[in-house]
Amino acid sequence: MKTNKTYTIPLTGHTYAYIHYPPSSIISPQKPTLLFLHGFPSTSYEWRHQISYFVSSGYGILAPDLLGYGGTSKPLNAEAYIGRSMASEIISLLAYSGASGPRKEVIGIAHDWGTYLLSQLATYHPSTFSKFVFLSGPFSIPGTMVDIPRVNAATKKTVGYEMMGYWLFLTQEGAGKVLADNWEVFVNLLYPADADVWKTHMAPTGVMERFLSSTSVEASAQYLAPWISEYDKRRHHEAFGDGYSACLNWYRREINNLGVKDERELLKMGLIGRGIEKETLMVTALRDAVSSAERARAIQIVDVDAGHWIMLERKDETNRTLEEFFAGNVKGSGPKVNALL
C-alpha cells in the first residue's frame, strides 16, 4: 500500500504525499472519512492493516506521510514542525481532498508523535472533527513545557529506568546519520517481539546509540517481531534511505519547547482551550516502554496487551475497537476532557 496522491500547501509550499479513498457511494448513510496520523519513524504505510480493513467497510481514508517523512517535504528547520502550522496544513489537505466540509464527518486517529499533531488539530480546528482516537500517546495539553532531564529523573525513580533518555541522542547533531548508517539494526530494535527490550536497549540515556554502533545486523535480528516482514523492512528503508535528519525535528521542536510560548498567550486570551470537546478514545499499550499508560487515565478507555506498535501487533483487536467506537458501541470520554500529563 503506497501513497497515491500529492498536494502542495499553498501557504507553506510543503508537498504532502498521501493515501486517499473517498467513502463508499453505495452505503447509506455515508460513512466518515478516517484521518490517520502516524508517528516516528513511520509513514502512512504503518496504517496498512487499518486502511485495508476500513476501506473494505466503506469508510473514507486520508493517510498522509507527515512532514519530514516518506514522500512528503522534509524541511530541516525545527520551526516548521510547530503543531499549529502542521495542523493548518492537514486542514488544507482535508479540504483539498474533499474529505471535510458541510455535512461531511471526519474522525482523527493518531499514533505516537501523530498524537501531538492530532492534539493540535483538536485545539485549533475542533469543528472539523466528530471524534478523536489516540493510540500510544495522550492528548497534549497546549502550553505545556517539556523538561526531559526532569522526566528521566522521575521515571528512573518510579519505573526503574529513564523512559526518555533516548531523546537526548535523537536530538543530537548527526543522530540522523547514525540511524541511517545502522538502519537495519535500528529497525530490528524498533519493532521488538519483546517490548521490554526497549527498557534496556533503547530508552535509558546512552544505550540506544551504543546498541546501534556495537551490534551487528545478525545479532540484532533476534529481537525483531514476527509481525514485521522482510518486505516491511524494505519499505521502511525505501522511505528513509536518504536519512532521518528531517523527521528528528519532531523531537527537536518538543525538547526546545518551540511554539509553547505562543500557546500560553492564546490560552491567556481565551482563544484556545486546554481540553478536548469531542468524544475521545484512548487506546493504551500496556507494555509500551516509552509511553506510560497512567499518563492518560483521564481519557483512556481501552487497554491492549501490546507493545508500542498496537495497530501492527494487535491489528484485529485494534480494528474491532476502532470500529465499535466509530459506531458508538464503545463510549469515549464526553465533552471538555482534560488529559493529565
C-alpha atoms as a PDB file:
ATOM      1  CA  MET A   1       0.000   0.000   0.000  1.00  0.00           C
ATOM      2  CA  LYS A   2       1.613   3.237  -1.188  1.00  0.00           C
ATOM      3  CA  THR A   3       0.706   6.903  -1.291  1.00  0.00           C
ATOM      4  CA  ASN A   4      -1.374   7.561  -4.385  1.00  0.00           C
ATOM      5  CA  LYS A   5      -1.670  11.351  -4.398  1.00  0.00           C
ATOM      6  CA  THR A   6       0.296  14.529  -3.636  1.00  0.00           C
ATOM      7  CA  TYR A   7      -0.725  18.066  -2.753  1.00  0.00           C
ATOM      8  CA  THR A   8       1.335  21.218  -2.240  1.00  0.00           C
ATOM      9  CA  ILE A   9       0.126  23.503   0.555  1.00  0.00           C
ATOM     10  CA  PRO A  10      -0.227  26.995  -0.967  1.00  0.00           C
ATOM     11  CA  LEU A  11       0.779  28.904   2.174  1.00  0.00           C
ATOM     12  CA  THR A  12       3.942  26.964   3.084  1.00  0.00           C
ATOM     13  CA  GLY A  13       4.965  25.278  -0.165  1.00  0.00           C
ATOM     14  CA  HIS A  14       5.252  21.904   1.574  1.00  0.00           C
ATOM     15  CA  THR A  15       4.185  18.956  -0.562  1.00  0.00           C
ATOM     16  CA  TYR A  16       2.319  16.105   1.131  1.00  0.00           C
ATOM     17  CA  ALA A  17       2.161  12.554  -0.198  1.00  0.00           C
ATOM     18  CA  TYR A  18      -0.940  10.745   0.975  1.00  0.00           C
ATOM     19  CA  ILE A  19      -3.314   7.833   0.563  1.00  0.00           C
ATOM     20  CA  HIS A  20      -6.903   8.799  -0.176  1.00  0.00           C
ATOM     21  CA  TYR A  21     -10.062   6.788  -0.638  1.00  0.00           C
ATOM     22  CA  PRO A  22     -13.460   8.524  -0.556  1.00  0.00           C
ATOM     23  CA  PRO A  23     -16.285   6.917   1.442  1.00  0.00           C
ATOM     24  CA  SER A  24     -18.239   4.270  -0.447  1.00  0.00           C
ATOM     25  CA  SER A  25     -21.035   5.812  -2.501  1.00  0.00           C
ATOM     26  CA  ILE A  26     -23.188   2.680  -2.289  1.00  0.00           C
ATOM     27  CA  ILE A  27     -23.503   2.707   1.513  1.00  0.00           C
ATOM     28  CA  SER A  28     -26.163   4.940   3.048  1.00  0.00           C
ATOM     29  CA  PRO A  29     -25.809   6.867   5.228  1.00  0.00           C
ATOM     30  CA  GLN A  30     -22.306   7.699   4.059  1.00  0.00           C
ATOM     31  CA  LYS A  31     -19.569   6.671   6.476  1.00  0.00           C
ATOM     32  CA  PRO A  32     -16.988   9.114   7.867  1.00  0.00           C
ATOM     33  CA  THR A  33     -13.523   9.738   6.492  1.00  0.00           C
ATOM     34  CA  LEU A  34     -10.796   8.471   8.817  1.00  0.00           C
ATOM     35  CA  LEU A  35      -7.723  10.680   9.094  1.00  0.00           C
ATOM     36  CA  PHE A  36      -4.736   8.519  10.103  1.00  0.00           C
ATOM     37  CA  LEU A  37      -1.650  10.285  11.519  1.00  0.00           C
ATOM     38  CA  HIS A  38       1.451   8.129  12.014  1.00  0.00           C
ATOM     39  CA  GLY A  39       4.372   8.593  14.400  1.00  0.00           C
ATOM     40  CA  PHE A  40       8.164   8.144  14.420  1.00  0.00           C
ATOM     41  CA  PRO A  41       9.800   6.779  12.385  1.00  0.00           C
ATOM     42  CA  SER A  42       6.945   5.787  10.141  1.00  0.00           C
ATOM     43  CA  THR A  43       4.895   6.690   7.085  1.00  0.00           C
ATOM     44  CA  SER A  44       1.284   6.156   6.079  1.00  0.00           C
ATOM     45  CA  TYR A  45       2.307   2.526   5.418  1.00  0.00           C
ATOM     46  CA  GLU A  46       2.211   1.939   9.185  1.00  0.00           C
ATOM     47  CA  TRP A  47      -1.598   2.045   8.943  1.00  0.00           C
ATOM     48  CA  ARG A  48      -1.773  -0.670   6.246  1.00  0.00           C
ATOM     49  CA  HIS A  49      -3.897  -3.077   8.301  1.00  0.00           C
ATOM     50  CA  GLN A  50      -6.369  -0.372   9.267  1.00  0.00           C
ATOM     51  CA  ILE A  51      -6.604   1.155   5.779  1.00  0.00           C
ATOM     52  CA  SER A  52      -7.409  -2.129   4.027  1.00  0.00           C
ATOM     53  CA  TYR A  53      -9.917  -3.082   6.730  1.00  0.00           C
ATOM     54  CA  PHE A  54     -11.821   0.202   6.817  1.00  0.00           C
ATOM     55  CA  VAL A  55     -11.809   0.764   3.047  1.00  0.00           C
ATOM     56  CA  SER A  56     -13.477  -2.633   2.671  1.00  0.00           C
ATOM     57  CA  SER A  57     -16.073  -1.483   5.231  1.00  0.00           C
ATOM     58  CA  GLY A  58     -16.941   1.630   3.230  1.00  0.00           C
ATOM     59  CA  TYR A  59     -15.087   4.285   5.220  1.00  0.00           C
ATOM     60  CA  GLY A  60     -13.200   7.114   3.590  1.00  0.00           C
ATOM     61  CA  ILE A  61      -9.447   7.226   4.245  1.00  0.00           C
ATOM     62  CA  LEU A  62      -6.928  10.054   4.312  1.00  0.00           C
ATOM     63  CA  ALA A  63      -3.483   8.912   5.465  1.00  0.00           C
ATOM     64  CA  PRO A  64      -0.644  11.358   4.776  1.00  0.00           C
ATOM     65  CA  ASP A  65       3.067  10.892   5.143  1.00  0.00           C
ATOM     66  CA  LEU A  66       3.564  13.597   7.756  1.00  0.00           C
ATOM     67  CA  LEU A  67       6.066  16.433   7.476  1.00  0.00           C
ATOM     68  CA  GLY A  68       9.631  15.097   7.380  1.00  0.00           C
ATOM     69  CA  TYR A  69       8.626  11.576   6.311  1.00  0.00           C
ATOM     70  CA  GLY A  70       8.333   9.425   3.201  1.00  0.00           C
ATOM     71  CA  GLY A  71       7.190  11.260   0.088  1.00  0.00           C
ATOM     72  CA  THR A  72       6.330  14.479   1.952  1.00  0.00           C
ATOM     73  CA  SER A  73       8.561  17.561   2.161  1.00  0.00           C
ATOM     74  CA  LYS A  74      11.464  17.335   4.612  1.00  0.00           C
ATOM     75  CA  PRO A  75      12.343  20.804   5.942  1.00  0.00           C
ATOM     76  CA  LEU A  76      15.398  20.819   8.210  1.00  0.00           C
ATOM     77  CA  ASN A  77      14.348  23.767  10.390  1.00  0.00           C
ATOM     78  CA  ALA A  78      12.617  22.683  13.589  1.00  0.00           C
ATOM     79  CA  GLU A  79      10.237  25.670  13.492  1.00  0.00           C
ATOM     80  CA  ALA A  80       8.435  24.074  10.522  1.00  0.00           C
ATOM     81  CA  TYR A  81       7.288  21.306  12.881  1.00  0.00           C
ATOM     82  CA  ILE A  82       5.395  23.562  15.302  1.00  0.00           C
ATOM     83  CA  GLY A  83       1.997  21.946  15.711  1.00  0.00           C
ATOM     84  CA  ARG A  84      -0.213  24.891  14.824  1.00  0.00           C
ATOM     85  CA  SER A  85       1.460  25.220  11.417  1.00  0.00           C
ATOM     86  CA  MET A  86       1.316  21.499  10.653  1.00  0.00           C
ATOM     87  CA  ALA A  87      -2.318  21.351  11.789  1.00  0.00           C
ATOM     88  CA  SER A  88      -3.194  24.099   9.306  1.00  0.00           C
ATOM     89  CA  GLU A  89      -1.505  22.070   6.566  1.00  0.00           C
ATOM     90  CA  ILE A  90      -3.579  18.984   7.426  1.00  0.00           C
ATOM     91  CA  ILE A  91      -6.760  21.085   7.393  1.00  0.00           C
ATOM     92  CA  SER A  92      -5.782  22.364   3.942  1.00  0.00           C
ATOM     93  CA  LEU A  93      -5.200  18.778   2.780  1.00  0.00           C
ATOM     94  CA  LEU A  94      -8.574  17.646   4.140  1.00  0.00           C
ATOM     95  CA  ALA A  95     -10.328  20.456   2.282  1.00  0.00           C
ATOM     96  CA  TYR A  96      -8.425  19.856  -0.970  1.00  0.00           C
ATOM     97  CA  SER A  97      -9.203  16.122  -0.934  1.00  0.00           C
ATOM     98  CA  GLY A  98     -12.888  16.792  -0.346  1.00  0.00           C
ATOM     99  CA  ALA A  99     -12.829  14.861   2.930  1.00  0.00           C
ATOM    100  CA  SER A 100     -14.020  17.804   5.028  1.00  0.00           C
ATOM    101  CA  GLY A 101     -16.818  20.281   4.500  1.00  0.00           C
ATOM    102  CA  PRO A 102     -20.551  20.735   5.093  1.00  0.00           C
ATOM    103  CA  ARG A 103     -22.354  17.511   6.055  1.00  0.00           C
ATOM    104  CA  LYS A 104     -19.075  15.557   5.992  1.00  0.00           C
ATOM    105  CA  GLU A 105     -17.743  13.713   9.027  1.00  0.00           C
ATOM    106  CA  VAL A 106     -14.043  13.281   9.819  1.00  0.00           C
ATOM    107  CA  ILE A 107     -12.621  11.157  12.646  1.00  0.00           C
ATOM    108  CA  GLY A 108      -8.987  11.718  13.630  1.00  0.00           C
ATOM    109  CA  ILE A 109      -6.846   8.714  14.631  1.00  0.00           C
ATOM    110  CA  ALA A 110      -3.202   9.060  15.647  1.00  0.00           C
ATOM    111  CA  HIS A 111      -0.289   7.018  16.977  1.00  0.00           C
ATOM    112  CA  ASP A 112       2.919   8.065  18.756  1.00  0.00           C
ATOM    113  CA  TRP A 113       4.040  11.535  17.525  1.00  0.00           C
ATOM    114  CA  GLY A 114       0.885  11.705  15.443  1.00  0.00           C
ATOM    115  CA  THR A 115      -0.969  12.230  18.738  1.00  0.00           C
ATOM    116  CA  TYR A 116       0.806  15.580  19.156  1.00  0.00           C
ATOM    117  CA  LEU A 117      -0.473  16.698  15.762  1.00  0.00           C
ATOM    118  CA  LEU A 118      -3.966  15.346  16.477  1.00  0.00           C
ATOM    119  CA  SER A 119      -3.919  17.276  19.771  1.00  0.00           C
ATOM    120  CA  GLN A 120      -3.125  20.439  17.846  1.00  0.00           C
ATOM    121  CA  LEU A 121      -5.960  19.734  15.416  1.00  0.00           C
ATOM    122  CA  ALA A 122      -8.309  19.242  18.383  1.00  0.00           C
ATOM    123  CA  THR A 123      -7.078  22.522  19.878  1.00  0.00           C
ATOM    124  CA  TYR A 124      -7.173  24.752  16.797  1.00  0.00           C
ATOM    125  CA  HIS A 125      -9.698  23.053  14.493  1.00  0.00           C
ATOM    126  CA  PRO A 126     -12.152  21.091  16.675  1.00  0.00           C
ATOM    127  CA  SER A 127     -15.162  21.772  14.449  1.00  0.00           C
ATOM    128  CA  THR A 128     -13.627  19.743  11.598  1.00  0.00           C
ATOM    129  CA  PHE A 129     -13.837  16.502  13.590  1.00  0.00           C
ATOM    130  CA  SER A 130     -16.580  14.426  15.166  1.00  0.00           C
ATOM    131  CA  LYS A 131     -14.332  12.146  17.250  1.00  0.00           C
ATOM    132  CA  PHE A 132     -10.695  11.594  18.178  1.00  0.00           C
ATOM    133  CA  VAL A 133      -8.669   8.433  18.842  1.00  0.00           C
ATOM    134  CA  PHE A 134      -5.226   8.447  20.479  1.00  0.00           C
ATOM    135  CA  LEU A 135      -3.006   5.333  20.334  1.00  0.00           C
ATOM    136  CA  SER A 136       0.183   5.007  22.440  1.00  0.00           C
ATOM    137  CA  GLY A 137       0.132   8.657  23.372  1.00  0.00           C
ATOM    138  CA  PRO A 138      -2.216  11.015  25.235  1.00  0.00           C
ATOM    139  CA  PHE A 139      -3.749  14.335  24.299  1.00  0.00           C
ATOM    140  CA  SER A 140      -1.027  17.016  24.516  1.00  0.00           C
ATOM    141  CA  ILE A 141      -2.256  19.965  26.560  1.00  0.00           C
ATOM    142  CA  PRO A 142      -1.294  23.231  24.815  1.00  0.00           C
ATOM    143  CA  GLY A 143       1.153  25.451  26.662  1.00  0.00           C
ATOM    144  CA  THR A 144       2.893  22.569  28.442  1.00  0.00           C
ATOM    145  CA  MET A 145       6.665  22.951  28.811  1.00  0.00           C
ATOM    146  CA  VAL A 146       8.751  19.789  28.471  1.00  0.00           C
ATOM    147  CA  ASP A 147      11.762  19.118  30.704  1.00  0.00           C
ATOM    148  CA  ILE A 148      13.330  15.848  29.541  1.00  0.00           C
ATOM    149  CA  PRO A 149      16.046  15.609  32.258  1.00  0.00           C
ATOM    150  CA  ARG A 150      13.300  16.037  34.860  1.00  0.00           C
ATOM    151  CA  VAL A 151      11.132  13.364  33.194  1.00  0.00           C
ATOM    152  CA  ASN A 152      14.092  10.981  33.053  1.00  0.00           C
ATOM    153  CA  ALA A 153      14.933  11.529  36.722  1.00  0.00           C
ATOM    154  CA  ALA A 154      11.304  10.979  37.710  1.00  0.00           C
ATOM    155  CA  THR A 155      10.833   7.812  35.640  1.00  0.00           C
ATOM    156  CA  LYS A 156      14.147   6.385  36.864  1.00  0.00           C
ATOM    157  CA  LYS A 157      12.749   6.703  40.377  1.00  0.00           C
ATOM    158  CA  THR A 158       9.229   5.438  39.641  1.00  0.00           C
ATOM    159  CA  VAL A 159       9.675   2.715  36.986  1.00  0.00           C
ATOM    160  CA  GLY A 160      13.381   1.926  37.341  1.00  0.00           C
ATOM    161  CA  TYR A 161      14.739   3.340  34.081  1.00  0.00           C
ATOM    162  CA  GLU A 162      14.904   6.628  32.181  1.00  0.00           C
ATOM    163  CA  MET A 163      11.893   6.483  29.904  1.00  0.00           C
ATOM    164  CA  MET A 164      13.020   9.276  27.573  1.00  0.00           C
ATOM    165  CA  GLY A 165      16.803   9.037  27.726  1.00  0.00           C
ATOM    166  CA  TYR A 166      16.899   8.210  24.024  1.00  0.00           C
ATOM    167  CA  TRP A 167      15.516  11.689  23.251  1.00  0.00           C
ATOM    168  CA  LEU A 168      18.905  13.147  24.194  1.00  0.00           C
ATOM    169  CA  PHE A 169      20.549  11.042  21.478  1.00  0.00           C
ATOM    170  CA  LEU A 170      17.899  11.649  18.823  1.00  0.00           C
ATOM    171  CA  THR A 171      18.166  15.435  19.221  1.00  0.00           C
ATOM    172  CA  GLN A 172      21.959  15.482  18.861  1.00  0.00           C
ATOM    173  CA  GLU A 173      23.518  16.745  15.641  1.00  0.00           C
ATOM    174  CA  GLY A 174      24.378  13.773  13.466  1.00  0.00           C
ATOM    175  CA  ALA A 175      21.847  11.397  15.033  1.00  0.00           C
ATOM    176  CA  GLY A 176      20.045  11.012  11.711  1.00  0.00           C
ATOM    177  CA  LYS A 177      23.223   9.766  10.055  1.00  0.00           C
ATOM    178  CA  VAL A 178      23.865   7.256  12.845  1.00  0.00           C
ATOM    179  CA  LEU A 179      20.361   5.853  12.315  1.00  0.00           C
ATOM    180  CA  ALA A 180      20.811   5.742   8.532  1.00  0.00           C
ATOM    181  CA  ASP A 181      24.238   4.071   8.757  1.00  0.00           C
ATOM    182  CA  ASN A 182      22.789   1.380  11.021  1.00  0.00           C
ATOM    183  CA  TRP A 183      19.262   1.297   9.631  1.00  0.00           C
ATOM    184  CA  GLU A 184      18.716  -2.463   9.745  1.00  0.00           C
ATOM    185  CA  VAL A 185      19.887  -2.771  13.349  1.00  0.00           C
ATOM    186  CA  PHE A 186      17.652   0.207  14.118  1.00  0.00           C
ATOM    187  CA  VAL A 187      14.606  -1.449  12.532  1.00  0.00           C
ATOM    188  CA  ASN A 188      15.256  -4.702  14.403  1.00  0.00           C
ATOM    189  CA  LEU A 189      15.305  -2.718  17.654  1.00  0.00           C
ATOM    190  CA  LEU A 190      12.387  -0.523  16.656  1.00  0.00           C
ATOM    191  CA  TYR A 191       9.911  -3.396  16.251  1.00  0.00           C
ATOM    192  CA  PRO A 192      10.797  -5.881  19.003  1.00  0.00           C
ATOM    193  CA  ALA A 193       8.952  -9.105  19.723  1.00  0.00           C
ATOM    194  CA  ASP A 194       9.528  -8.425  23.422  1.00  0.00           C
ATOM    195  CA  ALA A 195       8.554  -4.850  24.296  1.00  0.00           C
ATOM    196  CA  ASP A 196      10.817  -4.957  27.377  1.00  0.00           C
ATOM    197  CA  VAL A 197      13.850  -4.807  25.054  1.00  0.00           C
ATOM    198  CA  TRP A 198      13.319  -1.051  24.881  1.00  0.00           C
ATOM    199  CA  LYS A 199      13.816  -0.762  28.646  1.00  0.00           C
ATOM    200  CA  THR A 200      17.403  -1.987  28.337  1.00  0.00           C
ATOM    201  CA  HIS A 201      18.457  -1.274  24.742  1.00  0.00           C
ATOM    202  CA  MET A 202      16.667   1.957  23.783  1.00  0.00           C
ATOM    203  CA  ALA A 203      15.054   4.140  26.441  1.00  0.00           C
ATOM    204  CA  PRO A 204      17.824   4.851  29.023  1.00  0.00           C
ATOM    205  CA  THR A 205      20.348   7.587  28.290  1.00  0.00           C
ATOM    206  CA  GLY A 206      23.198   6.445  26.036  1.00  0.00           C
ATOM    207  CA  VAL A 207      22.129   2.850  25.438  1.00  0.00           C
ATOM    208  CA  MET A 208      20.451   3.289  22.058  1.00  0.00           C
ATOM    209  CA  GLU A 209      23.483   4.880  20.432  1.00  0.00           C
ATOM    210  CA  ARG A 210      25.773   2.187  21.867  1.00  0.00           C
ATOM    211  CA  PHE A 211      23.454  -0.579  20.676  1.00  0.00           C
ATOM    212  CA  LEU A 212      23.324   0.783  17.131  1.00  0.00           C
ATOM    213  CA  SER A 213      27.082   1.217  16.836  1.00  0.00           C
ATOM    214  CA  SER A 214      28.142  -2.041  18.508  1.00  0.00           C
ATOM    215  CA  THR A 215      25.518  -4.605  17.428  1.00  0.00           C
ATOM    216  CA  SER A 216      25.609  -6.497  14.146  1.00  0.00           C
ATOM    217  CA  VAL A 217      22.588  -6.970  11.921  1.00  0.00           C
ATOM    218  CA  GLU A 218      22.722 -10.706  12.626  1.00  0.00           C
ATOM    219  CA  ALA A 219      22.836 -10.231  16.403  1.00  0.00           C
ATOM    220  CA  SER A 220      20.018  -7.685  16.384  1.00  0.00           C
ATOM    221  CA  ALA A 221      17.767  -9.904  14.234  1.00  0.00           C
ATOM    222  CA  GLN A 222      16.854 -11.957  17.327  1.00  0.00           C
ATOM    223  CA  TYR A 223      14.814  -9.019  18.619  1.00  0.00           C
ATOM    224  CA  LEU A 224      12.637  -8.421  15.542  1.00  0.00           C
ATOM    225  CA  ALA A 225       8.924  -9.123  15.956  1.00  0.00           C
ATOM    226  CA  PRO A 226       7.322 -11.818  13.774  1.00  0.00           C
ATOM    227  CA  TRP A 227       4.675  -9.317  12.639  1.00  0.00           C
ATOM    228  CA  ILE A 228       7.331  -7.378  10.688  1.00  0.00           C
ATOM    229  CA  SER A 229       8.274  -8.991   7.371  1.00  0.00           C
ATOM    230  CA  GLU A 230      11.346  -8.540   5.204  1.00  0.00           C
ATOM    231  CA  TYR A 231       9.103  -6.608   2.822  1.00  0.00           C
ATOM    232  CA  ASP A 232       8.098  -4.279   5.657  1.00  0.00           C
ATOM    233  CA  LYS A 233      11.783  -3.665   6.405  1.00  0.00           C
ATOM    234  CA  ARG A 234      12.485  -2.870   2.755  1.00  0.00           C
ATOM    235  CA  ARG A 235       9.572  -0.440   2.673  1.00  0.00           C
ATOM    236  CA  HIS A 236      10.985   1.300   5.726  1.00  0.00           C
ATOM    237  CA  HIS A 237      14.422   1.568   4.122  1.00  0.00           C
ATOM    238  CA  GLU A 238      12.931   2.954   0.908  1.00  0.00           C
ATOM    239  CA  ALA A 239      11.164   5.651   2.918  1.00  0.00           C
ATOM    240  CA  PHE A 240      14.246   6.645   4.941  1.00  0.00           C
ATOM    241  CA  GLY A 241      17.063   5.832   2.543  1.00  0.00           C
ATOM    242  CA  ASP A 242      18.147   9.484   2.447  1.00  0.00           C
ATOM    243  CA  GLY A 243      18.359   9.680   6.242  1.00  0.00           C
ATOM    244  CA  TYR A 244      16.310  10.503   9.316  1.00  0.00           C
ATOM    245  CA  SER A 245      17.512  14.051   9.958  1.00  0.00           C
ATOM    246  CA  ALA A 246      14.310  15.842   8.917  1.00  0.00           C
ATOM    247  CA  CYS A 247      11.874  13.740  10.940  1.00  0.00           C
ATOM    248  CA  LEU A 248      14.019  14.081  14.073  1.00  0.00           C
ATOM    249  CA  ASN A 249      12.855  17.685  14.131  1.00  0.00           C
ATOM    250  CA  TRP A 250       9.646  16.444  15.773  1.00  0.00           C
ATOM    251  CA  TYR A 251      11.855  15.703  18.804  1.00  0.00           C
ATOM    252  CA  ARG A 252      13.916  18.888  18.466  1.00  0.00           C
ATOM    253  CA  ARG A 253      10.809  21.055  18.404  1.00  0.00           C
ATOM    254  CA  GLU A 254       9.496  19.368  21.525  1.00  0.00           C
ATOM    255  CA  ILE A 255      12.721  19.363  23.519  1.00  0.00           C
ATOM    256  CA  ASN A 256      13.184  23.080  22.757  1.00  0.00           C
ATOM    257  CA  ASN A 257       9.526  23.881  23.549  1.00  0.00           C
ATOM    258  CA  LEU A 258       9.057  25.680  20.231  1.00  0.00           C
ATOM    259  CA  GLY A 259       5.597  27.208  19.928  1.00  0.00           C
ATOM    260  CA  VAL A 260       4.746  26.767  23.615  1.00  0.00           C
ATOM    261  CA  LYS A 261       5.109  30.466  24.474  1.00  0.00           C
ATOM    262  CA  ASP A 262       2.579  31.386  21.771  1.00  0.00           C
ATOM    263  CA  GLU A 263       0.184  28.723  23.053  1.00  0.00           C
ATOM    264  CA  ARG A 264       0.365  30.172  26.546  1.00  0.00           C
ATOM    265  CA  GLU A 265      -0.517  33.600  25.209  1.00  0.00           C
ATOM    266  CA  LEU A 266      -3.500  32.183  23.318  1.00  0.00           C
ATOM    267  CA  LEU A 267      -4.642  30.364  26.453  1.00  0.00           C
ATOM    268  CA  LYS A 268      -4.419  33.602  28.460  1.00  0.00           C
ATOM    269  CA  MET A 269      -6.508  35.365  25.844  1.00  0.00           C
ATOM    270  CA  GLY A 270      -9.089  32.573  25.894  1.00  0.00           C
ATOM    271  CA  LEU A 271      -8.612  31.847  22.187  1.00  0.00           C
ATOM    272  CA  ILE A 272      -7.839  28.156  22.741  1.00  0.00           C
ATOM    273  CA  GLY A 273      -8.708  25.710  25.500  1.00  0.00           C
ATOM    274  CA  ARG A 274      -6.788  23.088  27.453  1.00  0.00           C
ATOM    275  CA  GLY A 275      -9.049  20.130  26.708  1.00  0.00           C
ATOM    276  CA  ILE A 276     -10.939  18.176  24.066  1.00  0.00           C
ATOM    277  CA  GLU A 277     -14.563  19.000  23.387  1.00  0.00           C
ATOM    278  CA  LYS A 278     -15.389  15.957  21.268  1.00  0.00           C
ATOM    279  CA  GLU A 279     -15.856  12.288  22.085  1.00  0.00           C
ATOM    280  CA  THR A 280     -12.401  10.823  22.563  1.00  0.00           C
ATOM    281  CA  LEU A 281     -10.977   7.316  22.809  1.00  0.00           C
ATOM    282  CA  MET A 282      -7.555   6.473  24.209  1.00  0.00           C
ATOM    283  CA  VAL A 283      -6.113   3.078  23.294  1.00  0.00           C
ATOM    284  CA  THR A 284      -3.238   2.302  25.642  1.00  0.00           C
ATOM    285  CA  ALA A 285      -0.478  -0.249  25.102  1.00  0.00           C
ATOM    286  CA  LEU A 286       0.092  -1.855  28.490  1.00  0.00           C
ATOM    287  CA  ARG A 287       3.626  -2.986  27.583  1.00  0.00           C
ATOM    288  CA  ASP A 288       4.805   0.260  25.954  1.00  0.00           C
ATOM    289  CA  ALA A 289       8.208   1.060  27.466  1.00  0.00           C
ATOM    290  CA  VAL A 290       8.267   4.719  26.406  1.00  0.00           C
ATOM    291  CA  SER A 291       4.682   5.883  27.000  1.00  0.00           C
ATOM    292  CA  SER A 292       3.164   5.297  30.408  1.00  0.00           C
ATOM    293  CA  ALA A 293      -0.487   4.217  30.438  1.00  0.00           C
ATOM    294  CA  GLU A 294      -1.027   6.159  33.648  1.00  0.00           C
ATOM    295  CA  ARG A 295      -0.310   9.454  31.882  1.00  0.00           C
ATOM    296  CA  ALA A 296      -3.633   9.323  30.069  1.00  0.00           C
ATOM    297  CA  ARG A 297      -6.106   7.907  32.565  1.00  0.00           C
ATOM    298  CA  ALA A 298      -8.357  10.952  32.244  1.00  0.00           C
ATOM    299  CA  ILE A 299      -9.418   9.893  28.742  1.00  0.00           C
ATOM    300  CA  GLN A 300      -8.235   6.279  28.479  1.00  0.00           C
ATOM    301  CA  ILE A 301     -10.944   3.764  27.706  1.00  0.00           C
ATOM    302  CA  VAL A 302      -9.350   0.624  26.246  1.00  0.00           C
ATOM    303  CA  ASP A 303      -6.185  -1.197  27.346  1.00  0.00           C
ATOM    304  CA  VAL A 304      -4.500  -3.524  24.851  1.00  0.00           C
ATOM    305  CA  ASP A 305      -1.935  -6.154  25.842  1.00  0.00           C
ATOM    306  CA  ALA A 306       0.686  -4.996  23.355  1.00  0.00           C
ATOM    307  CA  GLY A 307       3.885  -3.058  22.990  1.00  0.00           C
ATOM    308  CA  HIS A 308       4.183   0.368  21.399  1.00  0.00           C
ATOM    309  CA  TRP A 309       3.001  -0.661  17.909  1.00  0.00           C
ATOM    310  CA  ILE A 310      -0.591  -1.509  18.854  1.00  0.00           C
ATOM    311  CA  MET A 311      -2.039  -1.352  15.344  1.00  0.00           C
ATOM    312  CA  LEU A 312       0.619  -3.754  13.995  1.00  0.00           C
ATOM    313  CA  GLU A 313       0.972  -6.212  16.872  1.00  0.00           C
ATOM    314  CA  ARG A 314      -2.766  -6.400  17.618  1.00  0.00           C
ATOM    315  CA  LYS A 315      -4.225  -5.356  14.274  1.00  0.00           C
ATOM    316  CA  ASP A 316      -7.527  -7.242  14.564  1.00  0.00           C
ATOM    317  CA  GLU A 317      -8.195  -6.093  18.117  1.00  0.00           C
ATOM    318  CA  THR A 318      -7.306  -2.526  17.148  1.00  0.00           C
ATOM    319  CA  ASN A 319      -9.629  -2.590  14.144  1.00  0.00           C
ATOM    320  CA  ARG A 320     -12.521  -4.008  16.161  1.00  0.00           C
ATOM    321  CA  THR A 321     -12.045  -1.438  18.919  1.00  0.00           C
ATOM    322  CA  LEU A 322     -11.940   1.437  16.446  1.00  0.00           C
ATOM    323  CA  GLU A 323     -14.978   0.200  14.534  1.00  0.00           C
ATOM    324  CA  GLU A 324     -17.013  -0.175  17.716  1.00  0.00           C
ATOM    325  CA  PHE A 325     -16.048   3.337  18.802  1.00  0.00           C
ATOM    326  CA  PHE A 326     -16.966   4.798  15.406  1.00  0.00           C
ATOM    327  CA  ALA A 327     -20.355   3.074  15.642  1.00  0.00           C
ATOM    328  CA  GLY A 328     -20.950   4.382  19.161  1.00  0.00           C
ATOM    329  CA  ASN A 329     -20.643   0.984  20.858  1.00  0.00           C
ATOM    330  CA  VAL A 330     -17.537   1.973  22.829  1.00  0.00           C
ATOM    331  CA  LYS A 331     -18.109   5.225  24.626  1.00  0.00           C
ATOM    332  CA  GLY A 332     -15.220   7.629  24.692  1.00  0.00           C
ATOM    333  CA  SER A 333     -14.952  10.438  27.193  1.00  0.00           C
ATOM    334  CA  GLY A 334     -17.514  13.200  26.859  1.00  0.00           C
ATOM    335  CA  PRO A 335     -17.116  16.915  26.251  1.00  0.00           C
ATOM    336  CA  LYS A 336     -14.361  19.072  27.720  1.00  0.00           C
ATOM    337  CA  VAL A 337     -11.996  16.273  28.676  1.00  0.00           C
ATOM    338  CA  ASN A 338      -8.644  17.384  30.078  1.00  0.00           C
ATOM    339  CA  ALA A 339      -5.877  14.822  29.719  1.00  0.00           C
ATOM    340  CA  LEU A 340      -3.468  14.851  32.624  1.00  0.00           C
ATOM    341  CA  LEU A 341       0.224  14.671  31.753  1.00  0.00           C
END
